C-alpha atoms as a PDB file:
ATOM      1  CA  UNK A   1      92.596 170.997  74.836  1.00  0.00           C
ATOM      2  CA  UNK A   2      93.166 172.119  78.774  1.00  0.00           C
ATOM      3  CA  UNK A   3      91.941 170.262  81.526  1.00  0.00           C
ATOM      4  CA  UNK A   4      92.378 171.948  85.422  1.00  0.00           C
ATOM      5  CA  UNK A   5      92.015 170.689  88.407  1.00  0.00           C
ATOM      6  CA  UNK A   6      91.199 172.021  91.417  1.00  0.00           C
ATOM      7  CA  UNK A   7      89.492 171.266  95.181  1.00  0.00           C
ATOM      8  CA  UNK A   8      92.583 169.247  96.781  1.00  0.00           C
ATOM      9  CA  UNK A   9      93.648 169.631 100.333  1.00  0.00           C
ATOM     10  CA  UNK A  10      94.558 168.092 103.509  1.00  0.00           C
ATOM     11  CA  UNK A  11      91.522 166.453 105.726  1.00  0.00           C
ATOM     12  CA  UNK A  12      91.337 164.013 108.396  1.00  0.00           C
ATOM     13  CA  UNK A  13      90.290 160.381 107.798  1.00  0.00           C
ATOM     14  CA  UNK A  14      86.378 160.603 107.623  1.00  0.00           C
ATOM     15  CA  UNK A  15      85.909 163.667 105.984  1.00  0.00           C
ATOM     16  CA  UNK A  16      84.942 164.982 102.482  1.00  0.00           C
ATOM     17  CA  UNK A  17      86.124 167.043  99.708  1.00  0.00           C
ATOM     18  CA  UNK A  18      84.483 167.956  96.324  1.00  0.00           C
ATOM     19  CA  UNK A  19      87.434 167.984  93.416  1.00  0.00           C
ATOM     20  CA  UNK A  20      86.655 169.785  90.270  1.00  0.00           C
ATOM     21  CA  UNK A  21      87.985 169.786  86.992  1.00  0.00           C
ATOM     22  CA  UNK A  22      87.526 172.316  83.880  1.00  0.00           C
ATOM     23  CA  UNK A  23      87.774 171.655  80.330  1.00  0.00           C
ATOM     24  CA  UNK A  24      88.661 173.766  77.579  1.00  0.00           C
ATOM     25  CA  UNK A  25      89.678 174.139  73.841  1.00  0.00           C
ATOM     26  CA  UNK A  26      86.897 170.994  73.255  1.00  0.00           C
ATOM     27  CA  UNK A  27      83.697 170.629  73.219  1.00  0.00           C
ATOM     28  CA  UNK A  28      83.336 169.268  76.445  1.00  0.00           C
ATOM     29  CA  UNK A  29      79.755 168.229  76.334  1.00  0.00           C
ATOM     30  CA  UNK A  30      80.892 165.340  73.953  1.00  0.00           C
ATOM     31  CA  UNK A  31      83.292 163.534  75.424  1.00  0.00           C
ATOM     32  CA  UNK A  32      83.670 160.740  78.617  1.00  0.00           C
ATOM     33  CA  UNK A  33      85.266 162.378  81.435  1.00  0.00           C
ATOM     34  CA  UNK A  34      87.511 160.418  84.227  1.00  0.00           C
ATOM     35  CA  UNK A  35      89.041 160.429  87.277  1.00  0.00           C
ATOM     36  CA  UNK A  36      92.577 158.813  87.794  1.00  0.00           C
ATOM     37  CA  UNK A  37      94.973 158.862  91.176  1.00  0.00           C
ATOM     38  CA  UNK A  38      98.353 158.389  91.977  1.00  0.00           C
ATOM     39  CA  UNK A  39      99.149 157.321  95.158  1.00  0.00           C
ATOM     40  CA  UNK A  40     103.069 158.099  96.294  1.00  0.00           C
ATOM     41  CA  UNK A  41     105.055 154.900  95.213  1.00  0.00           C
ATOM     42  CA  UNK A  42     102.317 153.237  93.005  1.00  0.00           C
ATOM     43  CA  UNK A  43     100.910 153.333  89.820  1.00  0.00           C
ATOM     44  CA  UNK A  44      98.147 155.318  88.455  1.00  0.00           C
ATOM     45  CA  UNK A  45      94.576 153.867  88.823  1.00  0.00           C
ATOM     46  CA  UNK A  46      91.280 155.079  87.475  1.00  0.00           C
ATOM     47  CA  UNK A  47      89.249 155.818  90.213  1.00  0.00           C
ATOM     48  CA  UNK A  48      85.511 157.131  88.282  1.00  0.00           C
ATOM     49  CA  UNK A  49      84.418 157.579  84.433  1.00  0.00           C
ATOM     50  CA  UNK A  50      81.476 159.441  83.565  1.00  0.00           C
ATOM     51  CA  UNK A  51      79.961 159.384  79.788  1.00  0.00           C
ATOM     52  CA  UNK A  52      79.010 162.215  77.644  1.00  0.00           C
ATOM     53  CA  UNK A  53      75.467 163.286  79.118  1.00  0.00           C
ATOM     54  CA  UNK A  54      76.546 161.561  81.862  1.00  0.00           C
ATOM     55  CA  UNK A  55      74.000 158.646  81.781  1.00  0.00           C
ATOM     56  CA  UNK A  56      76.445 156.319  82.910  1.00  0.00           C
ATOM     57  CA  UNK A  57      78.909 156.132  85.506  1.00  0.00           C
ATOM     58  CA  UNK A  58      81.541 153.861  86.846  1.00  0.00           C
ATOM     59  CA  UNK A  59      84.033 153.267  89.626  1.00  0.00           C
ATOM     60  CA  UNK A  60      86.602 151.738  90.799  1.00  0.00           C
ATOM     61  CA  UNK A  61      85.651 149.170  93.803  1.00  0.00           C
ATOM     62  CA  UNK A  62      87.698 150.906  95.947  1.00  0.00           C
ATOM     63  CA  UNK A  63      85.897 154.251  96.308  1.00  0.00           C
ATOM     64  CA  UNK A  64      82.155 152.733  95.659  1.00  0.00           C
ATOM     65  CA  UNK A  65      79.304 153.733  97.874  1.00  0.00           C
ATOM     66  CA  UNK A  66      82.280 156.822  99.029  1.00  0.00           C
ATOM     67  CA  UNK A  67      82.888 158.366  95.981  1.00  0.00           C
ATOM     68  CA  UNK A  68      80.352 160.329  93.135  1.00  0.00           C
ATOM     69  CA  UNK A  69      81.256 161.548  89.935  1.00  0.00           C
ATOM     70  CA  UNK A  70      78.745 164.041  88.031  1.00  0.00           C
ATOM     71  CA  UNK A  71      79.663 166.966  85.635  1.00  0.00           C
ATOM     72  CA  UNK A  72      77.943 169.986  84.366  1.00  0.00           C
ATOM     73  CA  UNK A  73      78.471 170.520  80.781  1.00  0.00           C
ATOM     74  CA  UNK A  74      77.012 174.153  80.963  1.00  0.00           C
ATOM     75  CA  UNK A  75      80.112 174.816  82.971  1.00  0.00           C
ATOM     76  CA  UNK A  76      83.107 172.530  81.095  1.00  0.00           C
ATOM     77  CA  UNK A  77      82.998 170.803  84.761  1.00  0.00           C
ATOM     78  CA  UNK A  78      83.418 167.157  85.781  1.00  0.00           C
ATOM     79  CA  UNK A  79      83.343 167.047  89.750  1.00  0.00           C
ATOM     80  CA  UNK A  80      84.246 163.990  92.485  1.00  0.00           C
ATOM     81  CA  UNK A  81      82.549 164.392  95.130  1.00  0.00           C
ATOM     82  CA  UNK A  82      84.467 162.248  97.934  1.00  0.00           C
ATOM     83  CA  UNK A  83      83.140 161.187 101.514  1.00  0.00           C
ATOM     84  CA  UNK A  84      84.302 158.977 104.011  1.00  0.00           C
ATOM     85  CA  UNK A  85      88.237 159.442 103.010  1.00  0.00           C
ATOM     86  CA  UNK A  86      90.474 157.000 103.937  1.00  0.00           C
ATOM     87  CA  UNK A  87      94.616 157.289 104.395  1.00  0.00           C
ATOM     88  CA  UNK A  88      94.863 155.159 101.801  1.00  0.00           C
ATOM     89  CA  UNK A  89      92.865 157.798  99.610  1.00  0.00           C
ATOM     90  CA  UNK A  90      95.855 159.935 100.108  1.00  0.00           C
ATOM     91  CA  UNK A  91      97.217 160.757  96.329  1.00  0.00           C
ATOM     92  CA  UNK A  92      97.707 163.255  93.155  1.00  0.00           C
ATOM     93  CA  UNK A  93      94.196 163.172  91.392  1.00  0.00           C
ATOM     94  CA  UNK A  94      94.095 163.925  87.651  1.00  0.00           C
ATOM     95  CA  UNK A  95      90.882 164.342  84.992  1.00  0.00           C
ATOM     96  CA  UNK A  96      91.924 162.577  81.753  1.00  0.00           C
ATOM     97  CA  UNK A  97      89.755 162.384  78.718  1.00  0.00           C
ATOM     98  CA  UNK A  98      90.974 161.515  74.983  1.00  0.00           C
ATOM     99  CA  UNK A  99      90.295 164.157  72.787  1.00  0.00           C
ATOM    100  CA  UNK A 100      92.241 162.841  69.660  1.00  0.00           C
ATOM    101  CA  UNK A 101      94.721 161.430  72.178  1.00  0.00           C
ATOM    102  CA  UNK A 102      94.727 161.351  75.676  1.00  0.00           C
ATOM    103  CA  UNK A 103      94.373 164.901  77.468  1.00  0.00           C
ATOM    104  CA  UNK A 104      95.919 165.133  81.024  1.00  0.00           C
ATOM    105  CA  UNK A 105      95.252 167.801  83.735  1.00  0.00           C
ATOM    106  CA  UNK A 106      97.986 168.677  85.879  1.00  0.00           C
ATOM    107  CA  UNK A 107      96.347 167.048  89.279  1.00  0.00           C
ATOM    108  CA  UNK A 108      95.594 168.558  92.922  1.00  0.00           C
ATOM    109  CA  UNK A 109      96.889 166.974  95.648  1.00  0.00           C
ATOM    110  CA  UNK A 110      94.470 165.029  98.465  1.00  0.00           C
ATOM    111  CA  UNK A 111      95.872 164.152 101.508  1.00  0.00           C
ATOM    112  CA  UNK A 112      94.033 162.036 103.938  1.00  0.00           C
ATOM    113  CA  UNK A 113      95.711 162.235 107.825  1.00  0.00           C
ATOM    114  CA  UNK A 114      94.472 159.266 110.450  1.00  0.00           C
END
């Protein structure tokens, strides 16, 4: 099982980024996928989740209305569209799922400058 994130970078406050996570080694479509982030000096927190099939999504209060999670099972990919970015969105963003046990990607850095 492997998860590989991409799409992070440096962006100005108010800007947008789209993160991608591609999974392999498991039947991607069958599993709930989640995005987490860890800001410097803070604990890792759930950002958004999407159910298998994409029929259900959930978001942290801090990102509701600004972030959108989606998935493309044909590409074994989950996305996080981030808009109206704020400096407090800065952190390493991780993709996570549970296949027998927790599986995490290595993360992608997002830096939002003020």
